[in-house]
C-alpha atoms as a PDB file:
ATOM      1  CA  MET A   1      10.984  31.559 -47.133  1.00  0.00           C
ATOM      2  CA  LEU A   2       7.792  32.269 -45.202  1.00  0.00           C
ATOM      3  CA  TYR A   3       9.872  33.271 -42.171  1.00  0.00           C
ATOM      4  CA  LEU A   4      11.772  35.820 -44.268  1.00  0.00           C
ATOM      5  CA  LEU A   5       8.553  37.266 -45.669  1.00  0.00           C
ATOM      6  CA  ALA A   6       7.136  37.593 -42.140  1.00  0.00           C
ATOM      7  CA  MET A   7      10.252  39.481 -41.052  1.00  0.00           C
ATOM      8  CA  ILE A   8      10.034  41.847 -44.019  1.00  0.00           C
ATOM      9  CA  ALA A   9       6.335  42.444 -43.343  1.00  0.00           C
ATOM     10  CA  ALA A  10       7.056  43.233 -39.692  1.00  0.00           C
ATOM     11  CA  VAL A  11       9.805  45.708 -40.598  1.00  0.00           C
ATOM     12  CA  VAL A  12       7.673  47.480 -43.198  1.00  0.00           C
ATOM     13  CA  CYS A  13       4.610  47.665 -40.933  1.00  0.00           C
ATOM     14  CA  VAL A  14       6.583  49.077 -38.007  1.00  0.00           C
ATOM     15  CA  ASP A  15       8.239  51.602 -40.329  1.00  0.00           C
ATOM     16  CA  ILE A  16       4.953  52.819 -41.762  1.00  0.00           C
ATOM     17  CA  VAL A  17       2.861  52.802 -38.596  1.00  0.00           C
ATOM     18  CA  PHE A  18       5.280  54.081 -35.964  1.00  0.00           C
ATOM     19  CA  PHE A  19       8.479  55.593 -37.358  1.00  0.00           C
ATOM     20  CA  ARG A  20       7.648  57.221 -40.682  1.00  0.00           C
ATOM     21  CA  HIS A  21       9.569  60.474 -40.032  1.00  0.00           C
ATOM     22  CA  HIS A  22      12.127  59.306 -37.452  1.00  0.00           C
ATOM     23  CA  PHE A  23      15.212  57.884 -39.159  1.00  0.00           C
ATOM     24  CA  THR A  24      17.327  56.949 -36.126  1.00  0.00           C
ATOM     25  CA  GLU A  25      14.477  55.344 -34.210  1.00  0.00           C
ATOM     26  CA  ARG A  26      13.399  53.477 -37.350  1.00  0.00           C
ATOM     27  CA  LEU A  27      16.926  52.134 -37.858  1.00  0.00           C
ATOM     28  CA  ILE A  28      17.143  50.951 -34.254  1.00  0.00           C
ATOM     29  CA  ALA A  29      13.696  49.307 -34.457  1.00  0.00           C
ATOM     30  CA  ASN A  30      14.606  47.566 -37.725  1.00  0.00           C
ATOM     31  CA  ILE A  31      17.822  46.198 -36.236  1.00  0.00           C
ATOM     32  CA  ALA A  32      15.906  44.985 -33.172  1.00  0.00           C
ATOM     33  CA  ILE A  33      13.293  43.247 -35.331  1.00  0.00           C
ATOM     34  CA  VAL A  34      15.940  41.501 -37.452  1.00  0.00           C
ATOM     35  CA  LEU A  35      17.816  40.392 -34.329  1.00  0.00           C
ATOM     36  CA  ALA A  36      14.591  39.080 -32.768  1.00  0.00           C
ATOM     37  CA  PHE A  37      13.824  37.071 -35.903  1.00  0.00           C
ATOM     38  CA  ALA A  38      17.411  35.755 -35.995  1.00  0.00           C
ATOM     39  CA  VAL A  39      17.184  34.620 -32.373  1.00  0.00           C
ATOM     40  CA  GLY A  40      13.836  32.985 -33.123  1.00  0.00           C
ATOM     41  CA  TYR A  41      15.337  31.165 -36.082  1.00  0.00           C
ATOM     42  CA  PHE A  42      18.364  29.902 -34.199  1.00  0.00           C
ATOM     43  CA  TRP A  43      16.224  28.947 -31.205  1.00  0.00           C
ATOM     44  CA  PHE A  44      13.339  27.162 -32.961  1.00  0.00           C
ATOM     45  CA  ALA A  45      13.675  26.668 -36.717  1.00  0.00           C
ATOM     46  CA  ARG A  46      17.293  25.695 -37.299  1.00  0.00           C
ATOM     47  CA  PRO A  47      17.938  21.965 -37.705  1.00  0.00           C
ATOM     48  CA  ARG A  48      19.863  20.453 -34.819  1.00  0.00           C
ATOM     49  CA  PRO A  49      23.329  19.027 -35.516  1.00  0.00           C
ATOM     50  CA  ASP A  50      22.348  15.605 -34.113  1.00  0.00           C
ATOM     51  CA  GLY A  51      19.396  15.338 -36.518  1.00  0.00           C
ATOM     52  CA  ARG A  52      16.662  15.492 -33.885  1.00  0.00           C
ATOM     53  CA  GLU A  53      13.764  17.917 -34.052  1.00  0.00           C
ATOM     54  CA  SER A  54      13.673  20.768 -31.535  1.00  0.00           C
END
């Protein structure tokens, strides 16, 4: 849950600070942020299938 809140905070902060009036750039940045958080989740936070910690 904390990971999801961090992602939402990052998206909102980038939107407000950098891309307030630029729709296309904001959309691209939001997609990039979500993909970066997804990669981080699958790389570090997801439980391994064999039960070991990463």
